[in-house]
Amino acid sequence: MREQFIILFIFALIIQSCDFLTTRTPEIPDTGGSSFNVPLEPETVINNFKSAVNEKNMQNYLQCFSDSNRNKTGFYFIPTAEVMAIYPSIFQNWSIENEKRYFSSMINTMANEVYPELTFFANSFHSKLPDSAVFISDYHLKIRTKSNSVPDEYKGRIQLTITIDKSGLWSISRWIDSKLHADSINSTWSLAKALFSN
């Protein structure tokens, strides 16, 4: 009887020390050794976004965008006026699903050992508030696909509105694409999205 009491006592101590009934803080998902960081600041979103493109990392790319389940604003993409005029049906109800389709198609047209090169120039945050920030930058995107039917380089100006959700994480809720100059060619990121969405 005494041995049973000792065993029961030791078992109770083990259960108490293991904290079986307390909840743990959720762990950050494993991103497979990529350069994705928890987006606790707007700047981190920009770094994650650029790295996801350059690494051809679909999961990290999609995590950069605002999900309507987590953020009341959802995600909106506004293409250049020129590309919108040519492909109105593609951009009419652009969503994260469209982002996934375009990005997947783009990276699948590249050889395995070839990666995109996204560069930001003359970039800055033009507005920073407690719940939102606006990032504006000129960009140069090189993709080098296996196809000769699409351009390999895209240039323009990106404007990203980054907002914070209920859990304190930041993400891109609005993306506005525009040409750099009135006389520049139409090879903007909008065109890339249109070409790789078909």
C-alpha atoms as a PDB file:
ATOM      1  CA  MET A   1       0.000   0.000   0.000  1.00  0.00           C
ATOM      2  CA  ARG A   2       2.812   2.370   0.913  1.00  0.00           C
ATOM      3  CA  GLU A   3       4.565   1.663  -2.421  1.00  0.00           C
ATOM      4  CA  GLN A   4       1.377   2.512  -4.312  1.00  0.00           C
ATOM      5  CA  PHE A   5       1.085   5.799  -2.408  1.00  0.00           C
ATOM      6  CA  ILE A   6       4.724   6.694  -3.251  1.00  0.00           C
ATOM      7  CA  ILE A   7       4.196   5.848  -6.937  1.00  0.00           C
ATOM      8  CA  LEU A   8       0.979   7.911  -7.001  1.00  0.00           C
ATOM      9  CA  PHE A   9       2.760  10.816  -5.308  1.00  0.00           C
ATOM     10  CA  ILE A  10       5.661  10.724  -7.805  1.00  0.00           C
ATOM     11  CA  PHE A  11       3.197  10.531 -10.711  1.00  0.00           C
ATOM     12  CA  ALA A  12       1.329  13.596  -9.375  1.00  0.00           C
ATOM     13  CA  LEU A  13       4.621  15.519  -9.122  1.00  0.00           C
ATOM     14  CA  ILE A  14       5.508  14.616 -12.726  1.00  0.00           C
ATOM     15  CA  ILE A  15       2.126  15.777 -14.023  1.00  0.00           C
ATOM     16  CA  GLN A  16       2.352  19.051 -12.108  1.00  0.00           C
ATOM     17  CA  SER A  17       5.889  19.777 -13.315  1.00  0.00           C
ATOM     18  CA  CYS A  18       5.008  19.044 -16.950  1.00  0.00           C
ATOM     19  CA  ASP A  19       2.197  21.611 -17.099  1.00  0.00           C
ATOM     20  CA  PHE A  20      -0.066  19.405 -19.196  1.00  0.00           C
ATOM     21  CA  LEU A  21      -3.095  21.607 -18.744  1.00  0.00           C
ATOM     22  CA  THR A  22      -1.594  25.013 -19.530  1.00  0.00           C
ATOM     23  CA  THR A  23      -1.689  26.455 -23.047  1.00  0.00           C
ATOM     24  CA  ARG A  24       1.516  27.294 -24.863  1.00  0.00           C
ATOM     25  CA  THR A  25       2.326  30.243 -27.062  1.00  0.00           C
ATOM     26  CA  PRO A  26       1.924  29.143 -30.707  1.00  0.00           C
ATOM     27  CA  GLU A  27       5.184  28.550 -32.527  1.00  0.00           C
ATOM     28  CA  ILE A  28       6.095  30.394 -35.696  1.00  0.00           C
ATOM     29  CA  PRO A  29       5.682  28.051 -38.712  1.00  0.00           C
ATOM     30  CA  ASP A  30       8.873  26.524 -40.041  1.00  0.00           C
ATOM     31  CA  THR A  31       9.817  28.250 -43.293  1.00  0.00           C
ATOM     32  CA  GLY A  32      12.444  25.723 -44.287  1.00  0.00           C
ATOM     33  CA  GLY A  33      15.502  27.837 -43.574  1.00  0.00           C
ATOM     34  CA  SER A  34      14.293  30.762 -45.655  1.00  0.00           C
ATOM     35  CA  SER A  35      14.788  34.392 -44.721  1.00  0.00           C
ATOM     36  CA  PHE A  36      11.171  34.988 -43.617  1.00  0.00           C
ATOM     37  CA  ASN A  37      10.896  36.874 -40.331  1.00  0.00           C
ATOM     38  CA  VAL A  38       7.864  37.459 -38.113  1.00  0.00           C
ATOM     39  CA  PRO A  39       6.354  40.725 -39.466  1.00  0.00           C
ATOM     40  CA  LEU A  40       6.197  42.759 -36.279  1.00  0.00           C
ATOM     41  CA  GLU A  41       7.210  45.944 -38.165  1.00  0.00           C
ATOM     42  CA  PRO A  42       6.312  47.313 -41.632  1.00  0.00           C
ATOM     43  CA  GLU A  43       9.994  47.168 -42.630  1.00  0.00           C
ATOM     44  CA  THR A  44      10.004  43.422 -42.006  1.00  0.00           C
ATOM     45  CA  VAL A  45       7.139  42.983 -44.474  1.00  0.00           C
ATOM     46  CA  ILE A  46       9.197  44.694 -47.199  1.00  0.00           C
ATOM     47  CA  ASN A  47      12.231  42.500 -46.457  1.00  0.00           C
ATOM     48  CA  ASN A  48      10.072  39.349 -46.432  1.00  0.00           C
ATOM     49  CA  PHE A  49       8.375  40.356 -49.682  1.00  0.00           C
ATOM     50  CA  LYS A  50      11.642  41.016 -51.492  1.00  0.00           C
ATOM     51  CA  SER A  51      13.235  37.812 -50.174  1.00  0.00           C
ATOM     52  CA  ALA A  52      10.199  35.689 -51.083  1.00  0.00           C
ATOM     53  CA  VAL A  53      10.330  36.916 -54.693  1.00  0.00           C
ATOM     54  CA  ASN A  54      14.095  36.445 -54.968  1.00  0.00           C
ATOM     55  CA  GLU A  55      13.912  32.975 -53.390  1.00  0.00           C
ATOM     56  CA  LYS A  56      10.877  31.836 -55.463  1.00  0.00           C
ATOM     57  CA  ASN A  57       9.206  30.992 -52.154  1.00  0.00           C
ATOM     58  CA  MET A  58       5.444  30.772 -52.696  1.00  0.00           C
ATOM     59  CA  GLN A  59       4.520  30.216 -49.034  1.00  0.00           C
ATOM     60  CA  ASN A  60       6.474  33.233 -47.829  1.00  0.00           C
ATOM     61  CA  TYR A  61       5.223  35.357 -50.731  1.00  0.00           C
ATOM     62  CA  LEU A  62       1.573  34.722 -49.856  1.00  0.00           C
ATOM     63  CA  GLN A  63       2.216  35.361 -46.146  1.00  0.00           C
ATOM     64  CA  CYS A  64       3.168  38.930 -47.049  1.00  0.00           C
ATOM     65  CA  PHE A  65      -0.412  39.766 -48.085  1.00  0.00           C
ATOM     66  CA  SER A  66      -3.362  40.698 -45.936  1.00  0.00           C
ATOM     67  CA  ASP A  67      -5.892  37.931 -45.482  1.00  0.00           C
ATOM     68  CA  SER A  68      -9.506  39.059 -45.002  1.00  0.00           C
ATOM     69  CA  ASN A  69      -9.858  36.407 -42.273  1.00  0.00           C
ATOM     70  CA  ARG A  70      -7.180  38.163 -40.205  1.00  0.00           C
ATOM     71  CA  ASN A  71      -7.421  41.752 -41.415  1.00  0.00           C
ATOM     72  CA  LYS A  72     -10.674  43.570 -42.137  1.00  0.00           C
ATOM     73  CA  THR A  73      -9.135  45.408 -45.096  1.00  0.00           C
ATOM     74  CA  GLY A  74      -8.254  42.311 -47.154  1.00  0.00           C
ATOM     75  CA  PHE A  75      -5.930  42.701 -50.140  1.00  0.00           C
ATOM     76  CA  TYR A  76      -6.270  44.893 -53.256  1.00  0.00           C
ATOM     77  CA  PHE A  77      -4.036  45.213 -56.305  1.00  0.00           C
ATOM     78  CA  ILE A  78      -4.344  48.221 -58.631  1.00  0.00           C
ATOM     79  CA  PRO A  79      -2.480  47.766 -61.948  1.00  0.00           C
ATOM     80  CA  THR A  80      -1.196  50.500 -64.216  1.00  0.00           C
ATOM     81  CA  ALA A  81      -3.913  52.192 -66.274  1.00  0.00           C
ATOM     82  CA  GLU A  82      -2.312  50.996 -69.517  1.00  0.00           C
ATOM     83  CA  VAL A  83      -2.276  47.326 -68.524  1.00  0.00           C
ATOM     84  CA  MET A  84      -5.762  47.570 -67.007  1.00  0.00           C
ATOM     85  CA  ALA A  85      -7.054  48.879 -70.339  1.00  0.00           C
ATOM     86  CA  ILE A  86      -5.612  45.835 -72.164  1.00  0.00           C
ATOM     87  CA  TYR A  87      -6.531  43.162 -69.567  1.00  0.00           C
ATOM     88  CA  PRO A  88      -9.628  44.471 -67.723  1.00  0.00           C
ATOM     89  CA  SER A  89     -11.106  41.024 -67.026  1.00  0.00           C
ATOM     90  CA  ILE A  90      -7.925  39.763 -65.356  1.00  0.00           C
ATOM     91  CA  PHE A  91      -7.756  42.597 -62.846  1.00  0.00           C
ATOM     92  CA  GLN A  92     -11.458  43.121 -62.211  1.00  0.00           C
ATOM     93  CA  ASN A  93     -11.542  41.014 -59.028  1.00  0.00           C
ATOM     94  CA  TRP A  94      -7.867  40.443 -58.307  1.00  0.00           C
ATOM     95  CA  SER A  95      -7.324  38.445 -55.122  1.00  0.00           C
ATOM     96  CA  ILE A  96      -4.693  36.482 -53.239  1.00  0.00           C
ATOM     97  CA  GLU A  97      -5.698  33.468 -55.363  1.00  0.00           C
ATOM     98  CA  ASN A  98      -4.707  35.476 -58.444  1.00  0.00           C
ATOM     99  CA  GLU A  99      -1.394  36.348 -56.760  1.00  0.00           C
ATOM    100  CA  LYS A 100      -0.813  32.634 -56.138  1.00  0.00           C
ATOM    101  CA  ARG A 101      -1.636  31.698 -59.738  1.00  0.00           C
ATOM    102  CA  TYR A 102       0.557  34.436 -61.239  1.00  0.00           C
ATOM    103  CA  PHE A 103       3.525  33.771 -58.943  1.00  0.00           C
ATOM    104  CA  SER A 104       3.362  30.007 -59.435  1.00  0.00           C
ATOM    105  CA  SER A 105       3.167  30.394 -63.212  1.00  0.00           C
ATOM    106  CA  MET A 106       6.072  32.835 -63.236  1.00  0.00           C
ATOM    107  CA  ILE A 107       8.443  30.688 -61.191  1.00  0.00           C
ATOM    108  CA  ASN A 108       7.479  27.577 -63.160  1.00  0.00           C
ATOM    109  CA  THR A 109       8.676  29.204 -66.399  1.00  0.00           C
ATOM    110  CA  MET A 110      12.147  29.671 -64.892  1.00  0.00           C
ATOM    111  CA  ALA A 111      14.847  27.020 -64.791  1.00  0.00           C
ATOM    112  CA  ASN A 112      15.388  25.485 -61.330  1.00  0.00           C
ATOM    113  CA  GLU A 113      18.779  27.137 -60.891  1.00  0.00           C
ATOM    114  CA  VAL A 114      17.535  30.573 -62.023  1.00  0.00           C
ATOM    115  CA  TYR A 115      16.019  33.006 -59.530  1.00  0.00           C
ATOM    116  CA  PRO A 116      14.245  36.350 -59.931  1.00  0.00           C
ATOM    117  CA  GLU A 117      16.110  39.521 -59.041  1.00  0.00           C
ATOM    118  CA  LEU A 118      13.937  42.165 -57.394  1.00  0.00           C
ATOM    119  CA  THR A 119      15.629  45.457 -56.589  1.00  0.00           C
ATOM    120  CA  PHE A 120      14.113  48.537 -54.945  1.00  0.00           C
ATOM    121  CA  PHE A 121      15.510  52.016 -55.674  1.00  0.00           C
ATOM    122  CA  ALA A 122      14.839  55.396 -54.059  1.00  0.00           C
ATOM    123  CA  ASN A 123      12.535  53.767 -51.535  1.00  0.00           C
ATOM    124  CA  SER A 124      11.061  55.157 -48.361  1.00  0.00           C
ATOM    125  CA  PHE A 125       8.080  55.052 -46.055  1.00  0.00           C
ATOM    126  CA  HIS A 126       5.980  58.109 -46.903  1.00  0.00           C
ATOM    127  CA  SER A 127       3.536  57.611 -44.090  1.00  0.00           C
ATOM    128  CA  LYS A 128       3.794  55.697 -40.830  1.00  0.00           C
ATOM    129  CA  LEU A 129       0.880  55.504 -38.402  1.00  0.00           C
ATOM    130  CA  PRO A 130       0.247  53.134 -35.485  1.00  0.00           C
ATOM    131  CA  ASP A 131      -1.913  50.867 -37.664  1.00  0.00           C
ATOM    132  CA  SER A 132      -0.634  51.496 -41.214  1.00  0.00           C
ATOM    133  CA  ALA A 133       2.381  52.525 -43.287  1.00  0.00           C
ATOM    134  CA  VAL A 134       2.871  53.427 -46.960  1.00  0.00           C
ATOM    135  CA  PHE A 135       6.023  52.256 -48.734  1.00  0.00           C
ATOM    136  CA  ILE A 136       6.910  53.775 -52.131  1.00  0.00           C
ATOM    137  CA  SER A 137       9.799  52.655 -54.318  1.00  0.00           C
ATOM    138  CA  ASP A 138      11.010  52.355 -57.877  1.00  0.00           C
ATOM    139  CA  TYR A 139      11.589  48.707 -58.738  1.00  0.00           C
ATOM    140  CA  HIS A 140      13.424  46.543 -61.247  1.00  0.00           C
ATOM    141  CA  LEU A 141      12.319  42.910 -61.574  1.00  0.00           C
ATOM    142  CA  LYS A 142      14.375  40.476 -63.694  1.00  0.00           C
ATOM    143  CA  ILE A 143      12.938  37.002 -64.147  1.00  0.00           C
ATOM    144  CA  ARG A 144      14.804  35.294 -67.088  1.00  0.00           C
ATOM    145  CA  THR A 145      12.214  32.725 -68.134  1.00  0.00           C
ATOM    146  CA  LYS A 146      12.633  29.792 -70.516  1.00  0.00           C
ATOM    147  CA  SER A 147      10.145  31.463 -72.859  1.00  0.00           C
ATOM    148  CA  ASN A 148      10.980  34.086 -75.483  1.00  0.00           C
ATOM    149  CA  SER A 149       7.372  35.273 -75.663  1.00  0.00           C
ATOM    150  CA  VAL A 150       7.445  37.336 -72.448  1.00  0.00           C
ATOM    151  CA  PRO A 151       9.802  40.111 -71.314  1.00  0.00           C
ATOM    152  CA  ASP A 152      12.536  39.256 -68.819  1.00  0.00           C
ATOM    153  CA  GLU A 153      12.629  42.693 -67.186  1.00  0.00           C
ATOM    154  CA  TYR A 154       9.939  44.849 -65.590  1.00  0.00           C
ATOM    155  CA  LYS A 155      10.327  48.363 -64.208  1.00  0.00           C
ATOM    156  CA  GLY A 156       7.995  50.753 -62.464  1.00  0.00           C
ATOM    157  CA  ARG A 157       6.982  52.269 -59.157  1.00  0.00           C
ATOM    158  CA  ILE A 158       5.402  50.279 -56.360  1.00  0.00           C
ATOM    159  CA  GLN A 159       3.234  51.680 -53.589  1.00  0.00           C
ATOM    160  CA  LEU A 160       2.422  49.284 -50.772  1.00  0.00           C
ATOM    161  CA  THR A 161       0.018  50.023 -47.951  1.00  0.00           C
ATOM    162  CA  ILE A 162       0.957  47.849 -44.998  1.00  0.00           C
ATOM    163  CA  THR A 163      -1.528  47.371 -42.150  1.00  0.00           C
ATOM    164  CA  ILE A 164      -1.539  45.618 -38.804  1.00  0.00           C
ATOM    165  CA  ASP A 165      -4.012  42.860 -37.941  1.00  0.00           C
ATOM    166  CA  LYS A 166      -5.643  41.781 -34.665  1.00  0.00           C
ATOM    167  CA  SER A 167      -2.693  39.588 -33.746  1.00  0.00           C
ATOM    168  CA  GLY A 168      -0.173  42.434 -34.130  1.00  0.00           C
ATOM    169  CA  LEU A 169       1.312  41.211 -37.422  1.00  0.00           C
ATOM    170  CA  TRP A 170       1.787  43.483 -40.446  1.00  0.00           C
ATOM    171  CA  SER A 171       0.929  42.635 -44.063  1.00  0.00           C
ATOM    172  CA  ILE A 172       0.343  44.253 -47.455  1.00  0.00           C
ATOM    173  CA  SER A 173      -3.288  45.284 -47.872  1.00  0.00           C
ATOM    174  CA  ARG A 174      -2.962  47.453 -50.995  1.00  0.00           C
ATOM    175  CA  TRP A 175      -0.515  47.376 -53.912  1.00  0.00           C
ATOM    176  CA  ILE A 176      -0.558  50.139 -56.513  1.00  0.00           C
ATOM    177  CA  ASP A 177       1.620  49.722 -59.594  1.00  0.00           C
ATOM    178  CA  SER A 178       2.566  52.606 -61.891  1.00  0.00           C
ATOM    179  CA  LYS A 179       4.966  53.470 -64.685  1.00  0.00           C
ATOM    180  CA  LEU A 180       8.086  55.436 -63.832  1.00  0.00           C
ATOM    181  CA  HIS A 181       7.675  58.026 -66.595  1.00  0.00           C
ATOM    182  CA  ALA A 182       4.898  59.029 -68.946  1.00  0.00           C
ATOM    183  CA  ASP A 183       6.951  57.885 -71.923  1.00  0.00           C
ATOM    184  CA  SER A 184       8.206  54.594 -70.435  1.00  0.00           C
ATOM    185  CA  ILE A 185       7.301  51.234 -71.939  1.00  0.00           C
ATOM    186  CA  ASN A 186       4.500  49.104 -70.556  1.00  0.00           C
ATOM    187  CA  SER A 187       6.795  46.443 -69.059  1.00  0.00           C
ATOM    188  CA  THR A 188       5.652  47.027 -65.499  1.00  0.00           C
ATOM    189  CA  TRP A 189       4.884  44.443 -62.826  1.00  0.00           C
ATOM    190  CA  SER A 190       1.226  44.718 -63.862  1.00  0.00           C
ATOM    191  CA  LEU A 191       2.138  43.354 -67.277  1.00  0.00           C
ATOM    192  CA  ALA A 192       4.016  40.444 -65.685  1.00  0.00           C
ATOM    193  CA  LYS A 193       0.949  39.587 -63.612  1.00  0.00           C
ATOM    194  CA  ALA A 194      -1.282  39.725 -66.676  1.00  0.00           C
ATOM    195  CA  LEU A 195       1.030  37.592 -68.820  1.00  0.00           C
ATOM    196  CA  PHE A 196       1.554  34.925 -66.185  1.00  0.00           C
ATOM    197  CA  SER A 197      -2.123  34.794 -65.154  1.00  0.00           C
ATOM    198  CA  ASN A 198      -3.279  33.390 -68.502  1.00  0.00           C
END
